[in-house]
Amino acid sequence: LTNPSVMIRFLNFRITFLGEVNRPGTIS
């Protein structure tokens, strides 16, 4: 292919909060 373009993204970028927080859980 001539001059291909490649686009990449994370589909599962997430973090998790535990402990003394107002809304614990996993955030996407």
mmCIF file of all heavy atoms, coordinates in Angstrom:
data_MODEL
# 
_entry.id   MODEL 
# 
loop_
_atom_site.group_PDB 
_atom_site.id 
_atom_site.type_symbol 
_atom_site.label_atom_id 
_atom_site.label_alt_id 
_atom_site.label_comp_id 
_atom_site.label_asym_id 
_atom_site.label_entity_id 
_atom_site.label_seq_id 
_atom_site.pdbx_PDB_ins_code 
_atom_site.Cartn_x 
_atom_site.Cartn_y 
_atom_site.Cartn_z 
_atom_site.occupancy 
_atom_site.B_iso_or_equiv 
_atom_site.pdbx_formal_charge 
_atom_site.auth_seq_id 
_atom_site.auth_comp_id 
_atom_site.auth_asym_id 
_atom_site.auth_atom_id 
_atom_site.pdbx_PDB_model_num 
ATOM 1   N N   . LEU A 1 1  ? 0.841   -1.186 0.000  1.00 0.00 ? 1  LEU A N   1 
ATOM 2   C CA  . LEU A 1 1  ? 0.000   0.000  0.000  1.00 0.00 ? 1  LEU A CA  1 
ATOM 3   C C   . LEU A 1 1  ? 0.881   1.242  0.000  1.00 0.00 ? 1  LEU A C   1 
ATOM 4   O O   . LEU A 1 1  ? 1.960   1.260  0.589  1.00 0.00 ? 1  LEU A O   1 
ATOM 5   C CB  . LEU A 1 1  ? -0.927  0.028  1.229  1.00 0.00 ? 1  LEU A CB  1 
ATOM 6   C CG  . LEU A 1 1  ? -1.925  -1.119 1.374  1.00 0.00 ? 1  LEU A CG  1 
ATOM 7   C CD1 . LEU A 1 1  ? -2.761  -0.937 2.619  1.00 0.00 ? 1  LEU A CD1 1 
ATOM 8   C CD2 . LEU A 1 1  ? -2.810  -1.241 0.144  1.00 0.00 ? 1  LEU A CD2 1 
ATOM 9   N N   . THR A 1 2  ? 0.404   2.291  -0.645 1.00 0.00 ? 2  THR A N   1 
ATOM 10  C CA  . THR A 1 2  ? 1.151   3.536  -0.716 1.00 0.00 ? 2  THR A CA  1 
ATOM 11  C C   . THR A 1 2  ? 0.702   4.488  0.390  1.00 0.00 ? 2  THR A C   1 
ATOM 12  O O   . THR A 1 2  ? -0.484  4.818  0.488  1.00 0.00 ? 2  THR A O   1 
ATOM 13  C CB  . THR A 1 2  ? 0.945   4.214  -2.082 1.00 0.00 ? 2  THR A CB  1 
ATOM 14  O OG1 . THR A 1 2  ? 1.335   3.303  -3.114 1.00 0.00 ? 2  THR A OG1 1 
ATOM 15  C CG2 . THR A 1 2  ? 1.776   5.479  -2.191 1.00 0.00 ? 2  THR A CG2 1 
ATOM 16  N N   . ASN A 1 3  ? 1.659   4.913  1.218  1.00 0.00 ? 3  ASN A N   1 
ATOM 17  C CA  . ASN A 1 3  ? 1.384   5.862  2.305  1.00 0.00 ? 3  ASN A CA  1 
ATOM 18  C C   . ASN A 1 3  ? 0.148   5.487  3.140  1.00 0.00 ? 3  ASN A C   1 
ATOM 19  O O   . ASN A 1 3  ? -0.820  6.260  3.227  1.00 0.00 ? 3  ASN A O   1 
ATOM 20  C CB  . ASN A 1 3  ? 1.210   7.276  1.740  1.00 0.00 ? 3  ASN A CB  1 
ATOM 21  C CG  . ASN A 1 3  ? 2.466   7.801  1.083  1.00 0.00 ? 3  ASN A CG  1 
ATOM 22  O OD1 . ASN A 1 3  ? 3.578   7.511  1.536  1.00 0.00 ? 3  ASN A OD1 1 
ATOM 23  N ND2 . ASN A 1 3  ? 2.292   8.583  0.023  1.00 0.00 ? 3  ASN A ND2 1 
ATOM 24  N N   . PRO A 1 4  ? 0.155   4.317  3.742  1.00 0.00 ? 4  PRO A N   1 
ATOM 25  C CA  . PRO A 1 4  ? -0.998  3.937  4.568  1.00 0.00 ? 4  PRO A CA  1 
ATOM 26  C C   . PRO A 1 4  ? -1.064  4.777  5.855  1.00 0.00 ? 4  PRO A C   1 
ATOM 27  O O   . PRO A 1 4  ? -0.043  5.217  6.379  1.00 0.00 ? 4  PRO A O   1 
ATOM 28  C CB  . PRO A 1 4  ? -0.741  2.466  4.877  1.00 0.00 ? 4  PRO A CB  1 
ATOM 29  C CG  . PRO A 1 4  ? 0.752   2.345  4.840  1.00 0.00 ? 4  PRO A CG  1 
ATOM 30  C CD  . PRO A 1 4  ? 1.213   3.291  3.766  1.00 0.00 ? 4  PRO A CD  1 
ATOM 31  N N   . SER A 1 5  ? -2.276  4.994  6.335  1.00 0.00 ? 5  SER A N   1 
ATOM 32  C CA  . SER A 1 5  ? -2.507  5.657  7.622  1.00 0.00 ? 5  SER A CA  1 
ATOM 33  C C   . SER A 1 5  ? -3.011  4.612  8.613  1.00 0.00 ? 5  SER A C   1 
ATOM 34  O O   . SER A 1 5  ? -3.876  3.795  8.265  1.00 0.00 ? 5  SER A O   1 
ATOM 35  C CB  . SER A 1 5  ? -3.537  6.783  7.486  1.00 0.00 ? 5  SER A CB  1 
ATOM 36  O OG  . SER A 1 5  ? -3.064  7.785  6.611  1.00 0.00 ? 5  SER A OG  1 
ATOM 37  N N   . VAL A 1 6  ? -2.467  4.626  9.817  1.00 0.00 ? 6  VAL A N   1 
ATOM 38  C CA  . VAL A 1 6  ? -2.855  3.655  10.841 1.00 0.00 ? 6  VAL A CA  1 
ATOM 39  C C   . VAL A 1 6  ? -3.379  4.414  12.055 1.00 0.00 ? 6  VAL A C   1 
ATOM 40  O O   . VAL A 1 6  ? -2.679  5.251  12.632 1.00 0.00 ? 6  VAL A O   1 
ATOM 41  C CB  . VAL A 1 6  ? -1.663  2.766  11.253 1.00 0.00 ? 6  VAL A CB  1 
ATOM 42  C CG1 . VAL A 1 6  ? -2.100  1.758  12.320 1.00 0.00 ? 6  VAL A CG1 1 
ATOM 43  C CG2 . VAL A 1 6  ? -1.093  2.049  10.046 1.00 0.00 ? 6  VAL A CG2 1 
ATOM 44  N N   . MET A 1 7  ? -4.610  4.133  12.425 1.00 0.00 ? 7  MET A N   1 
ATOM 45  C CA  . MET A 1 7  ? -5.246  4.776  13.583 1.00 0.00 ? 7  MET A CA  1 
ATOM 46  C C   . MET A 1 7  ? -5.449  3.734  14.676 1.00 0.00 ? 7  MET A C   1 
ATOM 47  O O   . MET A 1 7  ? -6.036  2.669  14.425 1.00 0.00 ? 7  MET A O   1 
ATOM 48  C CB  . MET A 1 7  ? -6.588  5.399  13.181 1.00 0.00 ? 7  MET A CB  1 
ATOM 49  C CG  . MET A 1 7  ? -6.464  6.464  12.108 1.00 0.00 ? 7  MET A CG  1 
ATOM 50  S SD  . MET A 1 7  ? -8.064  7.177  11.636 1.00 0.00 ? 7  MET A SD  1 
ATOM 51  C CE  . MET A 1 7  ? -8.546  7.931  13.191 1.00 0.00 ? 7  MET A CE  1 
ATOM 52  N N   . ILE A 1 8  ? -4.981  4.045  15.886 1.00 0.00 ? 8  ILE A N   1 
ATOM 53  C CA  . ILE A 1 8  ? -5.023  3.094  17.000 1.00 0.00 ? 8  ILE A CA  1 
ATOM 54  C C   . ILE A 1 8  ? -5.681  3.763  18.208 1.00 0.00 ? 8  ILE A C   1 
ATOM 55  O O   . ILE A 1 8  ? -5.389  4.927  18.518 1.00 0.00 ? 8  ILE A O   1 
ATOM 56  C CB  . ILE A 1 8  ? -3.608  2.611  17.381 1.00 0.00 ? 8  ILE A CB  1 
ATOM 57  C CG1 . ILE A 1 8  ? -2.920  1.970  16.175 1.00 0.00 ? 8  ILE A CG1 1 
ATOM 58  C CG2 . ILE A 1 8  ? -3.662  1.629  18.544 1.00 0.00 ? 8  ILE A CG2 1 
ATOM 59  C CD1 . ILE A 1 8  ? -1.479  1.584  16.424 1.00 0.00 ? 8  ILE A CD1 1 
ATOM 60  N N   . ARG A 1 9  ? -6.532  3.004  18.879 1.00 0.00 ? 9  ARG A N   1 
ATOM 61  C CA  . ARG A 1 9  ? -7.165  3.495  20.107 1.00 0.00 ? 9  ARG A CA  1 
ATOM 62  C C   . ARG A 1 9  ? -7.257  2.352  21.113 1.00 0.00 ? 9  ARG A C   1 
ATOM 63  O O   . ARG A 1 9  ? -7.372  1.181  20.752 1.00 0.00 ? 9  ARG A O   1 
ATOM 64  C CB  . ARG A 1 9  ? -8.567  4.035  19.832 1.00 0.00 ? 9  ARG A CB  1 
ATOM 65  C CG  . ARG A 1 9  ? -8.603  5.313  19.021 1.00 0.00 ? 9  ARG A CG  1 
ATOM 66  C CD  . ARG A 1 9  ? -9.896  6.069  19.273 1.00 0.00 ? 9  ARG A CD  1 
ATOM 67  N NE  . ARG A 1 9  ? -10.006 6.466  20.666 1.00 0.00 ? 9  ARG A NE  1 
ATOM 68  C CZ  . ARG A 1 9  ? -11.049 7.139  21.168 1.00 0.00 ? 9  ARG A CZ  1 
ATOM 69  N NH1 . ARG A 1 9  ? -12.058 7.468  20.385 1.00 0.00 ? 9  ARG A NH1 1 
ATOM 70  N NH2 . ARG A 1 9  ? -11.087 7.460  22.429 1.00 0.00 ? 9  ARG A NH2 1 
ATOM 71  N N   . PHE A 1 10 ? -7.227  2.721  22.402 1.00 0.00 ? 10 PHE A N   1 
ATOM 72  C CA  . PHE A 1 10 ? -7.493  1.754  23.467 1.00 0.00 ? 10 PHE A CA  1 
ATOM 73  C C   . PHE A 1 10 ? -9.005  1.635  23.630 1.00 0.00 ? 10 PHE A C   1 
ATOM 74  O O   . PHE A 1 10 ? -9.709  2.634  23.770 1.00 0.00 ? 10 PHE A O   1 
ATOM 75  C CB  . PHE A 1 10 ? -6.884  2.217  24.791 1.00 0.00 ? 10 PHE A CB  1 
ATOM 76  C CG  . PHE A 1 10 ? -5.382  2.174  24.835 1.00 0.00 ? 10 PHE A CG  1 
ATOM 77  C CD1 . PHE A 1 10 ? -4.641  3.320  24.612 1.00 0.00 ? 10 PHE A CD1 1 
ATOM 78  C CD2 . PHE A 1 10 ? -4.709  1.002  25.111 1.00 0.00 ? 10 PHE A CD2 1 
ATOM 79  C CE1 . PHE A 1 10 ? -3.257  3.304  24.652 1.00 0.00 ? 10 PHE A CE1 1 
ATOM 80  C CE2 . PHE A 1 10 ? -3.326  0.957  25.159 1.00 0.00 ? 10 PHE A CE2 1 
ATOM 81  C CZ  . PHE A 1 10 ? -2.597  2.112  24.923 1.00 0.00 ? 10 PHE A CZ  1 
ATOM 82  N N   . LEU A 1 11 ? -9.502  0.407  23.635 1.00 0.00 ? 11 LEU A N   1 
ATOM 83  C CA  . LEU A 1 11 ? -10.930 0.180  23.822 1.00 0.00 ? 11 LEU A CA  1 
ATOM 84  C C   . LEU A 1 11 ? -11.280 -0.137 25.273 1.00 0.00 ? 11 LEU A C   1 
ATOM 85  O O   . LEU A 1 11 ? -12.459 -0.174 25.619 1.00 0.00 ? 11 LEU A O   1 
ATOM 86  C CB  . LEU A 1 11 ? -11.400 -0.972 22.922 1.00 0.00 ? 11 LEU A CB  1 
ATOM 87  C CG  . LEU A 1 11 ? -11.295 -0.724 21.414 1.00 0.00 ? 11 LEU A CG  1 
ATOM 88  C CD1 . LEU A 1 11 ? -11.760 -1.954 20.647 1.00 0.00 ? 11 LEU A CD1 1 
ATOM 89  C CD2 . LEU A 1 11 ? -12.101 0.500  21.009 1.00 0.00 ? 11 LEU A CD2 1 
ATOM 90  N N   . ASN A 1 12 ? -10.272 -0.373 26.112 1.00 0.00 ? 12 ASN A N   1 
ATOM 91  C CA  . ASN A 1 12 ? -10.558 -0.730 27.508 1.00 0.00 ? 12 ASN A CA  1 
ATOM 92  C C   . ASN A 1 12 ? -9.636  0.008  28.469 1.00 0.00 ? 12 ASN A C   1 
ATOM 93  O O   . ASN A 1 12 ? -9.106  -0.571 29.415 1.00 0.00 ? 12 ASN A O   1 
ATOM 94  C CB  . ASN A 1 12 ? -10.444 -2.241 27.713 1.00 0.00 ? 12 ASN A CB  1 
ATOM 95  C CG  . ASN A 1 12 ? -9.031  -2.761 27.435 1.00 0.00 ? 12 ASN A CG  1 
ATOM 96  O OD1 . ASN A 1 12 ? -8.225  -2.090 26.772 1.00 0.00 ? 12 ASN A OD1 1 
ATOM 97  N ND2 . ASN A 1 12 ? -8.720  -3.933 27.946 1.00 0.00 ? 12 ASN A ND2 1 
ATOM 98  N N   . PHE A 1 13 ? -9.456  1.313  28.249 1.00 0.00 ? 13 PHE A N   1 
ATOM 99  C CA  . PHE A 1 13 ? -8.643  2.131  29.152 1.00 0.00 ? 13 PHE A CA  1 
ATOM 100 C C   . PHE A 1 13 ? -9.485  2.406  30.399 1.00 0.00 ? 13 PHE A C   1 
ATOM 101 O O   . PHE A 1 13 ? -10.467 3.141  30.367 1.00 0.00 ? 13 PHE A O   1 
ATOM 102 C CB  . PHE A 1 13 ? -8.262  3.443  28.472 1.00 0.00 ? 13 PHE A CB  1 
ATOM 103 C CG  . PHE A 1 13 ? -7.153  4.192  29.162 1.00 0.00 ? 13 PHE A CG  1 
ATOM 104 C CD1 . PHE A 1 13 ? -5.876  4.210  28.629 1.00 0.00 ? 13 PHE A CD1 1 
ATOM 105 C CD2 . PHE A 1 13 ? -7.382  4.859  30.348 1.00 0.00 ? 13 PHE A CD2 1 
ATOM 106 C CE1 . PHE A 1 13 ? -4.844  4.891  29.264 1.00 0.00 ? 13 PHE A CE1 1 
ATOM 107 C CE2 . PHE A 1 13 ? -6.370  5.543  30.988 1.00 0.00 ? 13 PHE A CE2 1 
ATOM 108 C CZ  . PHE A 1 13 ? -5.094  5.556  30.441 1.00 0.00 ? 13 PHE A CZ  1 
ATOM 109 N N   . ARG A 1 14 ? -9.102  1.812  31.515 1.00 0.00 ? 14 ARG A N   1 
ATOM 110 C CA  . ARG A 1 14 ? -9.898  1.951  32.734 1.00 0.00 ? 14 ARG A CA  1 
ATOM 111 C C   . ARG A 1 14 ? -8.988  1.963  33.953 1.00 0.00 ? 14 ARG A C   1 
ATOM 112 O O   . ARG A 1 14 ? -7.856  1.473  33.925 1.00 0.00 ? 14 ARG A O   1 
ATOM 113 C CB  . ARG A 1 14 ? -10.921 0.822  32.848 1.00 0.00 ? 14 ARG A CB  1 
ATOM 114 C CG  . ARG A 1 14 ? -10.311 -0.561 32.894 1.00 0.00 ? 14 ARG A CG  1 
ATOM 115 C CD  . ARG A 1 14 ? -11.366 -1.644 32.994 1.00 0.00 ? 14 ARG A CD  1 
ATOM 116 N NE  . ARG A 1 14 ? -10.774 -2.961 33.086 1.00 0.00 ? 14 ARG A NE  1 
ATOM 117 C CZ  . ARG A 1 14 ? -10.555 -3.753 32.052 1.00 0.00 ? 14 ARG A CZ  1 
ATOM 118 N NH1 . ARG A 1 14 ? -10.896 -3.348 30.841 1.00 0.00 ? 14 ARG A NH1 1 
ATOM 119 N NH2 . ARG A 1 14 ? -10.006 -4.944 32.211 1.00 0.00 ? 14 ARG A NH2 1 
ATOM 120 N N   . ILE A 1 15 ? -9.515  2.539  35.047 1.00 0.00 ? 15 ILE A N   1 
ATOM 121 C CA  . ILE A 1 15 ? -8.833  2.562  36.337 1.00 0.00 ? 15 ILE A CA  1 
ATOM 122 C C   . ILE A 1 15 ? -9.837  2.149  37.405 1.00 0.00 ? 15 ILE A C   1 
ATOM 123 O O   . ILE A 1 15 ? -11.054 2.197  37.178 1.00 0.00 ? 15 ILE A O   1 
ATOM 124 C CB  . ILE A 1 15 ? -8.261  3.961  36.650 1.00 0.00 ? 15 ILE A CB  1 
ATOM 125 C CG1 . ILE A 1 15 ? -9.391  4.995  36.639 1.00 0.00 ? 15 ILE A CG1 1 
ATOM 126 C CG2 . ILE A 1 15 ? -7.168  4.337  35.672 1.00 0.00 ? 15 ILE A CG2 1 
ATOM 127 C CD1 . ILE A 1 15 ? -8.953  6.376  37.074 1.00 0.00 ? 15 ILE A CD1 1 
ATOM 128 N N   . THR A 1 16 ? -9.318  1.747  38.562 1.00 0.00 ? 16 THR A N   1 
ATOM 129 C CA  . THR A 1 16 ? -10.191 1.268  39.638 1.00 0.00 ? 16 THR A CA  1 
ATOM 130 C C   . THR A 1 16 ? -9.866  1.994  40.933 1.00 0.00 ? 16 THR A C   1 
ATOM 131 O O   . THR A 1 16 ? -8.690  2.111  41.307 1.00 0.00 ? 16 THR A O   1 
ATOM 132 C CB  . THR A 1 16 ? -10.027 -0.245 39.836 1.00 0.00 ? 16 THR A CB  1 
ATOM 133 O OG1 . THR A 1 16 ? -10.352 -0.919 38.615 1.00 0.00 ? 16 THR A OG1 1 
ATOM 134 C CG2 . THR A 1 16 ? -10.933 -0.755 40.951 1.00 0.00 ? 16 THR A CG2 1 
ATOM 135 N N   . PHE A 1 17 ? -10.908 2.484  41.622 1.00 0.00 ? 17 PHE A N   1 
ATOM 136 C CA  . PHE A 1 17 ? -10.766 3.140  42.919 1.00 0.00 ? 17 PHE A CA  1 
ATOM 137 C C   . PHE A 1 17 ? -11.307 2.227  44.018 1.00 0.00 ? 17 PHE A C   1 
ATOM 138 O O   . PHE A 1 17 ? -12.401 1.671  43.894 1.00 0.00 ? 17 PHE A O   1 
ATOM 139 C CB  . PHE A 1 17 ? -11.554 4.458  42.948 1.00 0.00 ? 17 PHE A CB  1 
ATOM 140 C CG  . PHE A 1 17 ? -10.724 5.663  42.600 1.00 0.00 ? 17 PHE A CG  1 
ATOM 141 C CD1 . PHE A 1 17 ? -10.705 6.140  41.311 1.00 0.00 ? 17 PHE A CD1 1 
ATOM 142 C CD2 . PHE A 1 17 ? -9.967  6.310  43.568 1.00 0.00 ? 17 PHE A CD2 1 
ATOM 143 C CE1 . PHE A 1 17 ? -9.953  7.245  40.978 1.00 0.00 ? 17 PHE A CE1 1 
ATOM 144 C CE2 . PHE A 1 17 ? -9.199  7.408  43.250 1.00 0.00 ? 17 PHE A CE2 1 
ATOM 145 C CZ  . PHE A 1 17 ? -9.188  7.881  41.962 1.00 0.00 ? 17 PHE A CZ  1 
ATOM 146 N N   . LEU A 1 18 ? -10.539 2.093  45.095 1.00 0.00 ? 18 LEU A N   1 
ATOM 147 C CA  . LEU A 1 18 ? -10.952 1.309  46.251 1.00 0.00 ? 18 LEU A CA  1 
ATOM 148 C C   . LEU A 1 18 ? -10.674 2.106  47.529 1.00 0.00 ? 18 LEU A C   1 
ATOM 149 O O   . LEU A 1 18 ? -9.818  2.984  47.541 1.00 0.00 ? 18 LEU A O   1 
ATOM 150 C CB  . LEU A 1 18 ? -10.196 -0.024 46.311 1.00 0.00 ? 18 LEU A CB  1 
ATOM 151 C CG  . LEU A 1 18 ? -10.374 -0.991 45.136 1.00 0.00 ? 18 LEU A CG  1 
ATOM 152 C CD1 . LEU A 1 18 ? -9.435  -2.182 45.287 1.00 0.00 ? 18 LEU A CD1 1 
ATOM 153 C CD2 . LEU A 1 18 ? -11.815 -1.462 45.031 1.00 0.00 ? 18 LEU A CD2 1 
ATOM 154 N N   . GLY A 1 19 ? -11.399 1.774  48.582 1.00 0.00 ? 19 GLY A N   1 
ATOM 155 C CA  . GLY A 1 19 ? -11.126 2.391  49.875 1.00 0.00 ? 19 GLY A CA  1 
ATOM 156 C C   . GLY A 1 19 ? -12.025 3.573  50.172 1.00 0.00 ? 19 GLY A C   1 
ATOM 157 O O   . GLY A 1 19 ? -13.214 3.594  49.827 1.00 0.00 ? 19 GLY A O   1 
ATOM 158 N N   . GLU A 1 20 ? -11.442 4.598  50.791 1.00 0.00 ? 20 GLU A N   1 
ATOM 159 C CA  . GLU A 1 20 ? -12.195 5.732  51.318 1.00 0.00 ? 20 GLU A CA  1 
ATOM 160 C C   . GLU A 1 20 ? -12.423 6.782  50.225 1.00 0.00 ? 20 GLU A C   1 
ATOM 161 O O   . GLU A 1 20 ? -11.813 7.857  50.208 1.00 0.00 ? 20 GLU A O   1 
ATOM 162 C CB  . GLU A 1 20 ? -11.417 6.337  52.505 1.00 0.00 ? 20 GLU A CB  1 
ATOM 163 C CG  . GLU A 1 20 ? -12.253 7.214  53.406 1.00 0.00 ? 20 GLU A CG  1 
ATOM 164 C CD  . GLU A 1 20 ? -13.277 6.440  54.239 1.00 0.00 ? 20 GLU A CD  1 
ATOM 165 O OE1 . GLU A 1 20 ? -13.241 5.189  54.239 1.00 0.00 ? 20 GLU A OE1 1 
ATOM 166 O OE2 . GLU A 1 20 ? -14.100 7.087  54.901 1.00 0.00 ? 20 GLU A OE2 1 
ATOM 167 N N   . VAL A 1 21 ? -13.301 6.445  49.284 1.00 0.00 ? 21 VAL A N   1 
ATOM 168 C CA  . VAL A 1 21 ? -13.712 7.377  48.227 1.00 0.00 ? 21 VAL A CA  1 
ATOM 169 C C   . VAL A 1 21 ? -15.236 7.380  48.184 1.00 0.00 ? 21 VAL A C   1 
ATOM 170 O O   . VAL A 1 21 ? -15.886 6.438  48.641 1.00 0.00 ? 21 VAL A O   1 
ATOM 171 C CB  . VAL A 1 21 ? -13.140 6.983  46.856 1.00 0.00 ? 21 VAL A CB  1 
ATOM 172 C CG1 . VAL A 1 21 ? -11.636 7.129  46.846 1.00 0.00 ? 21 VAL A CG1 1 
ATOM 173 C CG2 . VAL A 1 21 ? -13.537 5.568  46.477 1.00 0.00 ? 21 VAL A CG2 1 
ATOM 174 N N   . ASN A 1 22 ? -15.788 8.436  47.623 1.00 0.00 ? 22 ASN A N   1 
ATOM 175 C CA  . ASN A 1 22 ? -17.248 8.553  47.609 1.00 0.00 ? 22 ASN A CA  1 
ATOM 176 C C   . ASN A 1 22 ? -17.908 7.572  46.647 1.00 0.00 ? 22 ASN A C   1 
ATOM 177 O O   . ASN A 1 22 ? -19.004 7.101  46.895 1.00 0.00 ? 22 ASN A O   1 
ATOM 178 C CB  . ASN A 1 22 ? -17.651 9.990  47.268 1.00 0.00 ? 22 ASN A CB  1 
ATOM 179 C CG  . ASN A 1 22 ? -17.438 10.933 48.430 1.00 0.00 ? 22 ASN A CG  1 
ATOM 180 O OD1 . ASN A 1 22 ? -17.672 10.577 49.578 1.00 0.00 ? 22 ASN A OD1 1 
ATOM 181 N ND2 . ASN A 1 22 ? -16.968 12.141 48.148 1.00 0.00 ? 22 ASN A ND2 1 
ATOM 182 N N   . ARG A 1 23 ? -17.228 7.279  45.516 1.00 0.00 ? 23 ARG A N   1 
ATOM 183 C CA  . ARG A 1 23 ? -17.793 6.327  44.557 1.00 0.00 ? 23 ARG A CA  1 
ATOM 184 C C   . ARG A 1 23 ? -16.719 5.331  44.140 1.00 0.00 ? 23 ARG A C   1 
ATOM 185 O O   . ARG A 1 23 ? -16.105 5.469  43.067 1.00 0.00 ? 23 ARG A O   1 
ATOM 186 C CB  . ARG A 1 23 ? -18.346 7.057  43.329 1.00 0.00 ? 23 ARG A CB  1 
ATOM 187 C CG  . ARG A 1 23 ? -19.588 7.880  43.578 1.00 0.00 ? 23 ARG A CG  1 
ATOM 188 C CD  . ARG A 1 23 ? -20.310 8.219  42.288 1.00 0.00 ? 23 ARG A CD  1 
ATOM 189 N NE  . ARG A 1 23 ? -19.496 9.033  41.410 1.00 0.00 ? 23 ARG A NE  1 
ATOM 190 C CZ  . ARG A 1 23 ? -19.488 10.360 41.399 1.00 0.00 ? 23 ARG A CZ  1 
ATOM 191 N NH1 . ARG A 1 23 ? -20.260 11.020 42.238 1.00 0.00 ? 23 ARG A NH1 1 
ATOM 192 N NH2 . ARG A 1 23 ? -18.722 11.029 40.556 1.00 0.00 ? 23 ARG A NH2 1 
ATOM 193 N N   . PRO A 1 24 ? -16.458 4.315  44.968 1.00 0.00 ? 24 PRO A N   1 
ATOM 194 C CA  . PRO A 1 24 ? -15.462 3.308  44.576 1.00 0.00 ? 24 PRO A CA  1 
ATOM 195 C C   . PRO A 1 24 ? -15.954 2.484  43.398 1.00 0.00 ? 24 PRO A C   1 
ATOM 196 O O   . PRO A 1 24 ? -17.161 2.347  43.178 1.00 0.00 ? 24 PRO A O   1 
ATOM 197 C CB  . PRO A 1 24 ? -15.322 2.452  45.839 1.00 0.00 ? 24 PRO A CB  1 
ATOM 198 C CG  . PRO A 1 24 ? -16.624 2.624  46.563 1.00 0.00 ? 24 PRO A CG  1 
ATOM 199 C CD  . PRO A 1 24 ? -17.077 4.022  46.272 1.00 0.00 ? 24 PRO A CD  1 
ATOM 200 N N   . GLY A 1 25 ? -15.008 1.942  42.652 1.00 0.00 ? 25 GLY A N   1 
ATOM 201 C CA  . GLY A 1 25 ? -15.365 1.102  41.514 1.00 0.00 ? 25 GLY A CA  1 
ATOM 202 C C   . GLY A 1 25 ? -14.439 1.356  40.348 1.00 0.00 ? 25 GLY A C   1 
ATOM 203 O O   . GLY A 1 25 ? -13.434 2.065  40.447 1.00 0.00 ? 25 GLY A O   1 
ATOM 204 N N   . THR A 1 26 ? -14.781 0.765  39.199 1.00 0.00 ? 26 THR A N   1 
ATOM 205 C CA  . THR A 1 26 ? -13.981 0.878  37.987 1.00 0.00 ? 26 THR A CA  1 
ATOM 206 C C   . THR A 1 26 ? -14.543 1.971  37.086 1.00 0.00 ? 26 THR A C   1 
ATOM 207 O O   . THR A 1 26 ? -15.758 2.053  36.890 1.00 0.00 ? 26 THR A O   1 
ATOM 208 C CB  . THR A 1 26 ? -13.955 -0.458 37.237 1.00 0.00 ? 26 THR A CB  1 
ATOM 209 O OG1 . THR A 1 26 ? -13.369 -1.461 38.079 1.00 0.00 ? 26 THR A OG1 1 
ATOM 210 C CG2 . THR A 1 26 ? -13.136 -0.354 35.962 1.00 0.00 ? 26 THR A CG2 1 
ATOM 211 N N   . ILE A 1 27 ? -13.647 2.800  36.541 1.00 0.00 ? 27 ILE A N   1 
ATOM 212 C CA  . ILE A 1 27 ? -14.034 3.921  35.692 1.00 0.00 ? 27 ILE A CA  1 
ATOM 213 C C   . ILE A 1 27 ? -13.407 3.724  34.316 1.00 0.00 ? 27 ILE A C   1 
ATOM 214 O O   . ILE A 1 27 ? -12.195 3.519  34.201 1.00 0.00 ? 27 ILE A O   1 
ATOM 215 C CB  . ILE A 1 27 ? -13.568 5.259  36.282 1.00 0.00 ? 27 ILE A CB  1 
ATOM 216 C CG1 . ILE A 1 27 ? -14.103 5.431  37.718 1.00 0.00 ? 27 ILE A CG1 1 
ATOM 217 C CG2 . ILE A 1 27 ? -14.008 6.424  35.406 1.00 0.00 ? 27 ILE A CG2 1 
ATOM 218 C CD1 . ILE A 1 27 ? -13.530 6.641  38.424 1.00 0.00 ? 27 ILE A CD1 1 
ATOM 219 N N   . SER A 1 28 ? -14.214 3.777  33.270 1.00 0.00 ? 28 SER A N   1 
ATOM 220 C CA  . SER A 1 28 ? -13.715 3.703  31.899 1.00 0.00 ? 28 SER A CA  1 
ATOM 221 C C   . SER A 1 28 ? -13.375 5.110  31.413 1.00 0.00 ? 28 SER A C   1 
ATOM 222 O O   . SER A 1 28 ? -14.175 6.039  31.586 1.00 0.00 ? 28 SER A O   1 
ATOM 223 C CB  . SER A 1 28 ? -14.755 3.071  30.975 1.00 0.00 ? 28 SER A CB  1 
ATOM 224 O OG  . SER A 1 28 ? -14.989 1.722  31.339 1.00 0.00 ? 28 SER A OG  1 
# 
